[in-house]
Amino acid sequence: MKQLAAGANFARFELGDLVVIALRDGYVDLPTDRLRKSDGSAFGDHFPAQVDLVNGKLRLSVNAFLVIDGERHILIDTGASNYWDPTMGLLFAALAEAGVDRAKIRTVAFTHSHEDHVNGLLDLDGAPAFPQLDRIYVPEKEVSLFEAYPGLVQFLPLITPLPWGTCIENRITAVQADGHEVGHTAFEISSAGETLLIWGDIIHVPSIQFAQPEVSWGFDNDQAQARLTRKIMLARATWPNCHVAGAHLEFPGVGTVAKSGNGYFFKPLTLALVR
């Protein structure tokens, strides 16, 4: 996997004969008590020193990923649009910077149903963001969660429930990754002997969760299952010719994983501004 081009809000990569574009939606700063010890409790006064903080808060990147296979454009997650903090909602600017016409995106697939992943179906003015959209893959176990968003009701006719193990497009397979949410799904993309695992919210705080995968996240639906899944995904990511792409890894959120002691080590692909 190699980088082809990059700008402030996008990075284009080659994966075999596919193109993958990392898209920056922005970032969100959250309280440190969102990070949890292996027993589920907050760290409190014994907060780990190795965790990167910005003004005393945890800064999470918010990324989405576009897979291009010939004329097919499949967007995995859509960012937050204007749902949450004003530091998010850059997805549409990122697509424009990357030279991608939103009308070419006809398929959206979600790793899970949280607001910072699904609300980008609407643009910053509240209109449908992708005018030619005709299919939305929602993890099978989370369709009811998606249906609960009043602002997204117009998209319900486009939903296709997505069971784990389903091949949604040529060379894109849904992989079980539950724990953070009941139907949380990763997407395995394969081409020419290379694999990219777009894994959603497996890792929230890279500065500690690679080295200590037992550290969990306060918003995990099932922290024990999330820990187990994280360990499974990290082990899987060490397979030969495998890269990962994470929604909350520092932009562009793409790199490789290697074993390191009792934990793992993440090596990001170098982001060089080339055009």
Protein backbone atom coordinates (compact mmCIF):
# COMPACT_ATOMS: atom_id res chain seq x y z
CA MET A 1 0.00 0.00 0.00
CA LYS A 2 1.47 3.33 -0.97
CA GLN A 3 0.50 6.98 -0.89
CA LEU A 4 -0.38 8.64 -4.17
CA ALA A 5 -1.33 12.17 -3.08
CA ALA A 6 -2.30 14.16 -0.02
CA GLY A 7 -3.60 17.51 1.10
CA ALA A 8 -4.69 19.10 4.36
CA ASN A 9 -7.85 16.99 4.61
CA PHE A 10 -7.31 13.95 2.40
CA ALA A 11 -4.74 11.29 1.61
CA ARG A 12 -5.01 9.02 -1.42
CA PHE A 13 -3.51 5.53 -1.33
CA GLU A 14 -3.10 2.67 -3.76
CA LEU A 15 -4.14 -0.80 -2.58
CA GLY A 16 -3.44 -3.21 -5.41
CA ASP A 17 -5.66 -1.93 -8.20
CA LEU A 18 -7.97 -0.10 -5.80
CA VAL A 19 -7.78 3.49 -4.56
CA VAL A 20 -8.50 4.31 -0.93
CA ILE A 21 -8.89 7.93 0.18
CA ALA A 22 -8.65 8.85 3.85
CA LEU A 23 -10.90 11.83 4.60
CA ARG A 24 -10.53 14.12 7.58
CA ASP A 25 -13.83 15.03 9.23
CA GLY A 26 -12.03 16.87 12.04
CA TYR A 27 -11.54 16.10 15.71
CA VAL A 28 -13.30 16.12 19.06
CA ASP A 29 -11.87 16.79 22.52
CA LEU A 30 -13.28 14.63 25.32
CA PRO A 31 -12.78 14.36 29.10
CA THR A 32 -10.10 11.99 30.34
CA ASP A 33 -12.64 9.93 32.28
CA ARG A 34 -13.77 8.43 28.95
CA LEU A 35 -10.64 6.25 29.10
CA ARG A 36 -11.18 3.23 31.38
CA LYS A 37 -9.03 0.67 33.16
CA SER A 38 -9.42 -3.04 32.49
CA ASP A 39 -12.04 -3.27 35.27
CA GLY A 40 -14.13 -0.55 33.61
CA SER A 41 -13.35 2.18 36.16
CA ALA A 42 -11.88 5.59 35.34
CA PHE A 43 -8.19 6.23 36.02
CA GLY A 44 -8.86 9.25 38.23
CA ASP A 45 -5.72 10.71 39.81
CA HIS A 46 -3.58 7.89 38.40
CA PHE A 47 -4.10 8.83 34.76
CA PRO A 48 -1.35 7.24 32.60
CA ALA A 49 1.42 9.68 31.70
CA GLN A 50 1.96 8.21 28.23
CA VAL A 51 -1.47 9.31 27.02
CA ASP A 52 -1.36 12.33 24.75
CA LEU A 53 -3.55 15.18 26.01
CA VAL A 54 -4.44 18.54 24.50
CA ASN A 55 -5.33 21.17 27.10
CA GLY A 56 -6.06 18.37 29.54
CA LYS A 57 -8.43 16.51 27.21
CA LEU A 58 -8.32 13.50 24.93
CA ARG A 59 -8.24 14.60 21.30
CA LEU A 60 -9.77 12.09 18.92
CA SER A 61 -9.38 12.41 15.18
CA VAL A 62 -12.52 11.67 13.19
CA ASN A 63 -11.86 10.00 9.83
CA ALA A 64 -13.83 8.36 7.05
CA PHE A 65 -12.58 6.30 4.11
CA LEU A 66 -13.58 6.16 0.46
CA VAL A 67 -12.86 3.01 -1.56
CA ILE A 68 -12.77 3.43 -5.33
CA ASP A 69 -12.99 0.37 -7.57
CA GLY A 70 -13.20 1.56 -11.15
CA GLU A 71 -16.33 3.70 -11.26
CA ARG A 72 -17.69 2.36 -7.97
CA HIS A 73 -17.25 4.72 -5.00
CA ILE A 74 -17.99 3.19 -1.59
CA LEU A 75 -17.82 5.52 1.40
CA ILE A 76 -17.21 3.87 4.78
CA ASP A 77 -18.60 6.12 7.52
CA THR A 78 -19.58 9.75 6.91
CA GLY A 79 -18.34 11.77 9.87
CA ALA A 80 -20.46 13.99 12.09
CA SER A 81 -21.47 16.82 9.75
CA ASN A 82 -22.77 19.58 12.06
CA TYR A 83 -24.21 17.25 14.68
CA TRP A 84 -21.52 17.66 17.33
CA ASP A 85 -18.60 20.09 17.78
CA PRO A 86 -17.72 22.73 15.14
CA THR A 87 -14.30 21.06 14.94
CA MET A 88 -15.96 18.32 12.87
CA GLY A 89 -17.89 18.36 9.62
CA LEU A 90 -14.90 18.71 7.26
CA LEU A 91 -15.77 15.59 5.23
CA PHE A 92 -17.36 17.54 2.39
CA ALA A 93 -14.42 19.92 2.13
CA ALA A 94 -12.11 16.89 2.20
CA LEU A 95 -13.96 15.27 -0.70
CA ALA A 96 -13.75 18.49 -2.71
CA GLU A 97 -10.05 18.83 -1.95
CA ALA A 98 -9.52 15.25 -3.14
CA GLY A 99 -11.37 16.03 -6.37
CA VAL A 100 -14.23 13.63 -5.64
CA ASP A 101 -17.69 14.49 -6.96
CA ARG A 102 -20.19 13.59 -4.21
CA ALA A 103 -22.64 12.46 -6.89
CA LYS A 104 -20.33 9.52 -7.64
CA ILE A 105 -20.87 8.08 -4.15
CA ARG A 106 -23.81 5.72 -4.54
CA THR A 107 -22.98 3.34 -1.66
CA VAL A 108 -22.34 4.13 2.01
CA ALA A 109 -21.41 1.46 4.56
CA PHE A 110 -21.31 2.11 8.30
CA THR A 111 -19.02 0.51 10.85
CA HIS A 112 -21.67 1.33 13.46
CA SER A 113 -24.51 3.72 14.19
CA HIS A 114 -22.93 6.39 16.41
CA GLU A 115 -23.54 10.04 15.52
CA ASP A 116 -19.97 10.84 14.48
CA HIS A 117 -20.21 8.11 11.84
CA VAL A 118 -23.72 8.43 10.40
CA ASN A 119 -24.74 12.09 10.56
CA GLY A 120 -22.67 12.96 7.50
CA LEU A 121 -25.47 11.58 5.36
CA LEU A 122 -26.67 15.18 5.71
CA ASP A 123 -24.51 18.09 4.61
CA LEU A 124 -23.90 21.18 6.72
CA ASP A 125 -27.18 22.70 5.50
CA GLY A 126 -29.21 19.61 6.42
CA ALA A 127 -29.71 18.46 2.82
CA PRO A 128 -28.81 14.95 1.60
CA ALA A 129 -25.04 14.95 1.17
CA PHE A 130 -24.85 12.39 -1.66
CA PRO A 131 -27.50 13.11 -4.33
CA GLN A 132 -27.15 9.77 -6.16
CA LEU A 133 -27.01 7.56 -3.08
CA ASP A 134 -28.98 4.36 -3.62
CA ARG A 135 -27.74 1.96 -0.91
CA ILE A 136 -26.79 2.28 2.74
CA TYR A 137 -25.32 -0.72 4.53
CA VAL A 138 -26.10 -0.70 8.26
CA PRO A 139 -24.85 -3.50 10.53
CA GLU A 140 -27.73 -5.96 10.86
CA LYS A 141 -27.84 -5.67 14.66
CA GLU A 142 -27.97 -1.86 14.55
CA VAL A 143 -30.75 -1.14 12.08
CA SER A 144 -33.11 -0.25 14.94
CA LEU A 145 -30.49 2.16 16.35
CA PHE A 146 -30.17 3.88 12.98
CA GLU A 147 -33.95 4.07 12.62
CA ALA A 148 -34.12 5.98 15.92
CA TYR A 149 -32.47 9.09 14.43
CA PRO A 150 -35.35 11.42 13.45
CA GLY A 151 -33.17 13.47 11.11
CA LEU A 152 -32.18 10.41 9.08
CA VAL A 153 -35.66 8.95 8.53
CA GLN A 154 -35.59 9.93 4.85
CA PHE A 155 -32.80 7.41 4.29
CA LEU A 156 -34.64 4.38 5.69
CA PRO A 157 -35.77 3.11 2.24
CA LEU A 158 -32.11 2.86 1.22
CA ILE A 159 -31.03 0.63 4.11
CA THR A 160 -29.69 -2.85 3.50
CA PRO A 161 -29.09 -4.75 6.78
CA LEU A 162 -25.53 -6.05 6.83
CA PRO A 163 -24.70 -9.40 8.46
CA TRP A 164 -21.09 -10.16 9.32
CA GLY A 165 -19.34 -12.16 6.62
CA THR A 166 -21.19 -10.46 3.78
CA CYS A 167 -19.27 -9.29 0.72
CA ILE A 168 -20.84 -5.87 0.10
CA GLU A 169 -18.92 -5.00 -3.03
CA ASN A 170 -16.18 -6.59 -5.06
CA ARG A 171 -13.40 -7.39 -2.55
CA ILE A 172 -15.01 -5.68 0.47
CA THR A 173 -16.16 -7.99 3.28
CA ALA A 174 -17.94 -7.13 6.55
CA VAL A 175 -16.08 -8.55 9.58
CA GLN A 176 -17.43 -9.08 13.09
CA ALA A 177 -15.97 -6.44 15.44
CA ASP A 178 -18.63 -5.98 18.13
CA GLY A 179 -18.18 -4.55 21.59
CA HIS A 180 -17.95 -0.83 21.01
CA GLU A 181 -21.48 -1.21 19.70
CA VAL A 182 -23.70 -4.26 19.38
CA GLY A 183 -23.17 -4.62 15.63
CA HIS A 184 -19.83 -2.85 15.25
CA THR A 185 -18.31 -3.98 11.96
CA ALA A 186 -14.90 -3.78 10.31
CA PHE A 187 -14.41 -3.92 6.55
CA GLU A 188 -11.68 -6.03 5.01
CA ILE A 189 -10.60 -4.80 1.59
CA SER A 190 -8.36 -7.06 -0.48
CA SER A 191 -6.54 -6.51 -3.77
CA ALA A 192 -3.45 -8.00 -5.39
CA GLY A 193 -2.32 -9.78 -2.23
CA GLU A 194 -2.74 -6.72 0.00
CA THR A 195 -5.34 -6.17 2.71
CA LEU A 196 -6.72 -3.07 4.39
CA LEU A 197 -8.77 -3.51 7.55
CA ILE A 198 -11.00 -0.46 8.01
CA TRP A 199 -11.87 -1.09 11.62
CA GLY A 200 -13.97 1.84 12.84
CA ASP A 201 -13.65 2.39 16.60
CA ILE A 202 -11.41 -0.51 17.63
CA ILE A 203 -8.89 2.04 18.97
CA HIS A 204 -9.88 5.43 20.42
CA VAL A 205 -6.65 6.50 22.14
CA PRO A 206 -3.66 5.26 20.11
CA SER A 207 -1.05 6.47 22.60
CA ILE A 208 -2.08 3.71 25.05
CA GLN A 209 -4.51 1.21 23.51
CA PHE A 210 -2.02 -0.33 21.08
CA ALA A 211 0.45 -1.04 23.85
CA GLN A 212 -2.29 -1.90 26.37
CA PRO A 213 -5.32 -3.25 24.48
CA GLU A 214 -7.07 -4.03 27.79
CA VAL A 215 -7.62 -0.28 28.29
CA SER A 216 -11.15 0.44 27.16
CA TRP A 217 -13.48 3.30 26.32
CA GLY A 218 -16.33 4.66 28.39
CA PHE A 219 -18.71 4.70 25.43
CA ASP A 220 -18.18 1.02 24.65
CA ASN A 221 -21.52 -0.76 24.68
CA ASP A 222 -19.86 -3.86 26.14
CA GLN A 223 -16.37 -3.13 27.47
CA ALA A 224 -15.41 -6.78 27.98
CA GLN A 225 -16.40 -7.67 24.43
CA ALA A 226 -14.69 -4.54 23.10
CA ARG A 227 -11.45 -5.57 24.79
CA LEU A 228 -11.68 -9.08 23.33
CA THR A 229 -12.46 -7.75 19.87
CA ARG A 230 -9.60 -5.24 20.06
CA LYS A 231 -7.15 -8.06 20.81
CA ILE A 232 -8.54 -10.15 17.95
CA MET A 233 -8.36 -7.26 15.50
CA LEU A 234 -4.83 -6.30 16.55
CA ALA A 235 -3.63 -9.87 16.10
CA ARG A 236 -5.32 -10.01 12.71
CA ALA A 237 -3.65 -6.74 11.71
CA THR A 238 -0.20 -8.30 12.11
CA TRP A 239 -0.82 -10.68 9.21
CA PRO A 240 1.51 -10.20 6.21
CA ASN A 241 0.68 -7.38 3.79
CA CYS A 242 -2.06 -6.01 6.07
CA HIS A 243 -2.71 -2.34 6.81
CA VAL A 244 -5.33 -0.83 9.08
CA ALA A 245 -7.43 2.31 8.86
CA GLY A 246 -9.08 3.70 11.98
CA ALA A 247 -11.80 6.27 12.51
CA HIS A 248 -10.00 7.73 15.52
CA LEU A 249 -6.34 7.18 14.67
CA GLU A 250 -4.44 10.39 14.00
CA PHE A 251 -5.20 11.50 10.43
CA PRO A 252 -4.87 9.94 7.91
CA GLY A 253 -5.36 6.99 10.25
CA VAL A 254 -3.65 4.42 8.02
CA GLY A 255 -0.68 2.27 8.94
CA THR A 256 0.61 -1.13 10.01
CA VAL A 257 0.52 -3.01 13.32
CA ALA A 258 3.34 -5.08 14.82
CA LYS A 259 3.60 -7.10 18.03
CA SER A 260 5.56 -5.40 20.80
CA GLY A 261 6.00 -7.20 24.13
CA ASN A 262 2.56 -7.93 25.59
CA GLY A 263 0.96 -5.36 23.32
CA TYR A 264 1.29 -3.88 19.85
CA PHE A 265 2.89 -1.00 18.01
CA PHE A 266 1.30 1.17 15.32
CA LYS A 267 3.42 2.55 12.51
CA PRO A 268 1.54 5.19 10.49
CA LEU A 269 2.12 5.58 6.80
CA THR A 270 4.09 8.76 6.29
CA LEU A 271 1.86 11.62 5.24
CA ALA A 272 3.67 13.73 2.70
CA LEU A 273 1.91 16.60 0.97
CA VAL A 274 2.19 15.54 -2.65
CA ARG A 275 -0.12 16.14 -5.59
